[in-house]
Structures are given as C-alpha cells and as structure tokens.
Amino acid sequence: MLRLSMLLSCIFMTNTALEEKSTAYGNLGAGTRLDKREIATDFDKYAVTCYICVNVSDNLICNQFAIDKPCKPGETFCHTLHIMDSKGTSVLVNKKCTTDKECQRNKVGCIEIDSQLMCVSCCDQDYCNTNVPVNSSNAVFDDKITKMRMLAKNLFTEREKAMTTTLKDSSVNNFISVNLVILCLYLIFTCT
C-alpha cells in the first residue's frame, strides 16, 4: 500500500512539473529542433524588381523596353540616373539594380555640369523607378523597405535568441523531470 501511495505521489509531482514547464514555455513539441535556419528568415536574399535600361534618351522608351526581371539577391535598390540639357529635355536615362553600397543618401540629388542637369535617385520598392528625377525635390533616397527589413531582421534575431534560451531552459526542465521520476522510483523501491 505504501508503494502505491508513493508511486501516485511521484506521478502527481512529475505531471505537475511537466504541466508547469509546458505552460511556461508553450507547446514546443517533441519535434522541436534548435536550428537557426528554421527560425530566422534569410533577409539577405531579398531583392527588388526595377526598371532596367542603359543609355536611353527618354524615360518613356526606357519604361516601354525595360528588362522586367527581379534583381539579383543583395541588390535591394533601384538606381536612376537622369541627365537633361539646359532646356530640361532628357538626354540620357540609365536605370539599374544595385546594392546599398552604391545607393546612399549622400549619393543622390542633382548637380549641374556644363549646362546639363544630372539627377540621381535611389529607392527600394518594386518598380519605384518608374519616373525619373528632374530636380532636387524628386531626386531622393527612399529606403522605407530597407528600414522595415532591418527591423524585421532584428525582431527575428531577438526571437531566435529567445527561442534558443527557451529550448535550453526546456532541456534543463526535461532533465529535472526525468531525474525526479528516477528519484521517486528509487525511493519507492528502496523504502519498502
């Protein structure tokens, strides 16, 4: 009778410990693995789709005949170079995909060279380079998506750290629960 009551007490204590662990850490499940690739999204492979044309005289022609395919991974910006003559007529339009190294806030804007106005803009959304910059107010650096990507990447990194800590704590609790069961069984069979 003593063995049965001790066994029931051990089962109750072990189940209580397991339930507390489950409540504290959520249902991690038996198949939960500590694999960073499963937790974090690979944000570095993100690419944008831009209008692409080289040495075209007009923006309309550029957009009509532009290459329409996603940029390579890591090319997260659409870069636009627009040169106009002294009357404001387009002379040259270049549009391409590029990295954040080439597209930086200090590399956009307009400058006048030999009575021509050269304007550069960078943006990071799909087809954001439809229009060409014609003055300083629209020759801009737009990195809204890049900022959001970086925020999301930081959130996933923090989540990954939290999940790693949770899984480590869960392993410790599993170890404690198993040892509690063994101790209970040992006490049951040695005390009687």
Protein backbone atom coordinates (compact mmCIF):
# COMPACT_ATOMS: atom_id res chain seq x y z
CA MET A 1 0.00 0.00 0.00
CA LEU A 2 2.88 2.35 0.83
CA ARG A 3 4.45 1.66 -2.59
CA LEU A 4 1.22 2.53 -4.37
CA SER A 5 0.74 5.80 -2.50
CA MET A 6 4.40 6.79 -3.10
CA LEU A 7 4.06 5.92 -6.80
CA LEU A 8 0.91 8.03 -7.09
CA SER A 9 2.63 10.93 -5.31
CA CYS A 10 5.61 10.72 -7.68
CA ILE A 11 3.34 10.64 -10.74
CA PHE A 12 1.42 13.65 -9.41
CA MET A 13 4.63 15.65 -8.74
CA THR A 14 6.12 14.77 -12.13
CA ASN A 15 2.92 15.63 -14.01
CA THR A 16 2.69 18.94 -12.13
CA ALA A 17 6.31 19.78 -13.04
CA LEU A 18 5.68 18.90 -16.71
CA GLU A 19 2.48 20.98 -16.83
CA GLU A 20 4.25 23.99 -15.31
CA LYS A 21 7.02 23.66 -17.88
CA SER A 22 4.50 23.33 -20.70
CA THR A 23 2.61 26.42 -19.53
CA ALA A 24 5.79 28.45 -19.08
CA TYR A 25 7.30 27.58 -22.45
CA GLY A 26 4.32 26.82 -24.64
CA ASN A 27 3.86 23.60 -26.54
CA LEU A 28 7.29 23.18 -28.06
CA GLY A 29 6.54 19.62 -29.13
CA ALA A 30 8.81 16.63 -29.39
CA GLY A 31 9.96 17.55 -32.89
CA THR A 32 11.29 20.98 -31.89
CA ARG A 33 14.88 21.36 -33.03
CA LEU A 34 17.38 24.08 -32.27
CA ASP A 35 18.04 25.05 -35.89
CA LYS A 36 18.60 28.74 -36.66
CA ARG A 37 17.73 28.25 -40.33
CA GLU A 38 14.20 27.22 -39.34
CA ILE A 39 13.71 30.18 -37.02
CA ALA A 40 15.28 33.10 -38.92
CA THR A 41 14.28 34.19 -42.39
CA ASP A 42 17.14 34.84 -44.77
CA PHE A 43 16.66 38.57 -45.29
CA ASP A 44 19.93 38.90 -47.18
CA LYS A 45 18.42 37.15 -50.20
CA TYR A 46 15.79 39.87 -50.62
CA ALA A 47 15.86 41.61 -54.00
CA VAL A 48 13.70 44.24 -55.61
CA THR A 49 12.36 44.47 -59.19
CA CYS A 50 13.40 47.63 -61.04
CA TYR A 51 13.11 49.08 -64.49
CA ILE A 52 16.48 48.49 -66.17
CA CYS A 53 17.78 50.37 -69.19
CA VAL A 54 21.18 51.64 -70.30
CA ASN A 55 21.92 54.85 -72.22
CA VAL A 56 18.36 55.55 -73.37
CA SER A 57 17.40 59.06 -74.43
CA ASP A 58 13.89 59.12 -72.96
CA ASN A 59 12.13 57.75 -69.86
CA LEU A 60 9.08 56.59 -71.84
CA ILE A 61 11.27 54.46 -74.11
CA CYS A 62 13.16 53.15 -71.10
CA ASN A 63 9.99 52.00 -69.34
CA GLN A 64 8.49 50.50 -72.53
CA PHE A 65 11.54 48.39 -73.32
CA ALA A 66 12.95 47.90 -69.84
CA ILE A 67 14.07 44.49 -68.71
CA ASP A 68 11.44 43.15 -66.36
CA LYS A 69 13.02 40.64 -64.00
CA PRO A 70 13.89 40.67 -60.32
CA CYS A 71 17.30 41.95 -59.38
CA LYS A 72 19.98 39.63 -58.03
CA PRO A 73 19.92 38.78 -54.32
CA GLY A 74 21.55 41.61 -52.38
CA GLU A 75 20.56 44.20 -54.97
CA THR A 76 17.94 45.93 -52.89
CA PHE A 77 17.80 49.33 -54.58
CA CYS A 78 16.68 50.76 -57.92
CA HIS A 79 19.19 53.38 -59.09
CA THR A 80 18.19 56.03 -61.64
CA LEU A 81 20.49 58.46 -63.41
CA HIS A 82 18.81 61.19 -65.49
CA ILE A 83 20.67 63.84 -67.47
CA MET A 84 18.84 66.80 -69.02
CA ASP A 85 20.03 69.60 -71.28
CA SER A 86 19.72 73.31 -70.41
CA LYS A 87 16.07 73.30 -71.63
CA GLY A 88 15.10 70.37 -69.37
CA THR A 89 14.87 67.86 -72.22
CA SER A 90 16.07 64.33 -71.42
CA VAL A 91 19.45 63.47 -72.86
CA LEU A 92 20.22 60.25 -71.02
CA VAL A 93 18.35 57.79 -68.79
CA ASN A 94 20.04 54.89 -67.01
CA LYS A 95 18.14 52.64 -64.64
CA LYS A 96 19.57 49.63 -62.85
CA CYS A 97 19.51 47.37 -59.82
CA THR A 98 22.19 47.99 -57.25
CA THR A 99 23.29 47.39 -53.69
CA ASP A 100 23.04 49.65 -50.68
CA LYS A 101 26.75 50.48 -51.12
CA GLU A 102 26.04 52.42 -54.31
CA CYS A 103 22.70 53.80 -53.20
CA GLN A 104 23.32 56.00 -50.22
CA ARG A 105 21.72 59.21 -49.06
CA ASN A 106 24.84 61.28 -49.85
CA LYS A 107 24.95 59.99 -53.45
CA VAL A 108 21.53 61.21 -54.57
CA GLY A 109 20.39 64.62 -55.73
CA CYS A 110 21.05 66.90 -58.69
CA ILE A 111 24.16 68.74 -59.85
CA GLU A 112 24.73 70.98 -62.82
CA ILE A 113 27.63 70.13 -65.13
CA ASP A 114 28.31 72.14 -68.34
CA SER A 115 24.73 73.45 -68.64
CA GLN A 116 23.32 69.96 -68.11
CA LEU A 117 21.50 68.82 -65.01
CA MET A 118 22.40 65.36 -63.72
CA CYS A 119 20.00 63.86 -61.17
CA VAL A 120 20.32 60.58 -59.28
CA SER A 121 17.67 58.86 -57.17
CA CYS A 122 17.55 55.57 -55.27
CA CYS A 123 14.55 53.67 -53.97
CA ASP A 124 13.92 50.18 -52.60
CA GLN A 125 10.39 49.20 -53.66
CA ASP A 126 9.34 47.19 -56.70
CA TYR A 127 9.15 49.42 -59.80
CA CYS A 128 9.78 52.52 -57.72
CA ASN A 129 11.98 53.92 -60.51
CA THR A 130 9.11 54.39 -62.97
CA ASN A 131 9.64 58.15 -63.01
CA VAL A 132 12.98 59.89 -63.45
CA PRO A 133 14.21 62.64 -61.14
CA VAL A 134 14.07 66.09 -62.75
CA ASN A 135 15.01 68.32 -59.79
CA SER A 136 16.27 68.20 -56.22
CA SER A 137 12.81 67.63 -54.77
CA ASN A 138 12.29 64.30 -56.54
CA ALA A 139 15.92 63.14 -56.78
CA VAL A 140 15.55 61.37 -53.45
CA PHE A 141 16.81 58.50 -51.38
CA ASP A 142 13.88 56.28 -50.35
CA ASP A 143 14.76 53.34 -48.07
CA LYS A 144 11.41 52.54 -46.41
CA ILE A 145 11.53 48.84 -47.29
CA THR A 146 15.18 48.52 -46.24
CA LYS A 147 14.36 50.04 -42.85
CA MET A 148 11.41 47.66 -42.42
CA ARG A 149 13.58 44.69 -43.49
CA MET A 150 16.23 45.62 -40.94
CA LEU A 151 13.59 45.99 -38.20
CA ALA A 152 12.12 42.60 -39.13
CA LYS A 153 15.57 41.03 -39.25
CA ASN A 154 16.32 42.40 -35.76
CA LEU A 155 12.97 41.10 -34.47
CA PHE A 156 13.65 37.64 -35.89
CA THR A 157 17.14 37.69 -34.39
CA GLU A 158 15.71 38.57 -30.98
CA ARG A 159 13.04 35.89 -31.39
CA GLU A 160 15.75 33.39 -32.30
CA LYS A 161 17.71 34.29 -29.16
CA ALA A 162 14.57 33.97 -27.04
CA MET A 163 13.70 30.63 -28.63
CA THR A 164 17.24 29.35 -28.07
CA THR A 165 17.05 30.33 -24.41
CA THR A 166 13.61 28.73 -24.12
CA LEU A 167 14.80 25.48 -25.69
CA LYS A 168 17.84 25.38 -23.41
CA ASP A 169 15.62 26.00 -20.37
CA SER A 170 13.22 23.34 -21.65
CA SER A 171 16.07 20.82 -21.91
CA VAL A 172 17.06 21.58 -18.31
CA ASN A 173 13.44 21.11 -17.17
CA ASN A 174 13.19 17.80 -19.06
CA PHE A 175 16.40 16.69 -17.33
CA ILE A 176 14.97 17.68 -13.94
CA SER A 177 11.64 15.94 -14.65
CA VAL A 178 13.35 12.69 -15.70
CA ASN A 179 15.58 12.79 -12.64
CA LEU A 180 12.55 13.42 -10.43
CA VAL A 181 10.86 10.30 -11.81
CA ILE A 182 14.02 8.23 -11.28
CA LEU A 183 14.38 9.54 -7.73
CA CYS A 184 10.75 8.75 -6.98
CA LEU A 185 11.08 5.21 -8.32
CA TYR A 186 14.28 4.72 -6.36
CA LEU A 187 12.61 5.90 -3.15
CA ILE A 188 9.57 3.70 -3.75
CA PHE A 189 11.57 0.53 -4.18
CA THR A 190 14.22 1.19 -1.53
CA CYS A 191 11.99 2.46 1.23
CA THR A 192 9.67 -0.53 1.32
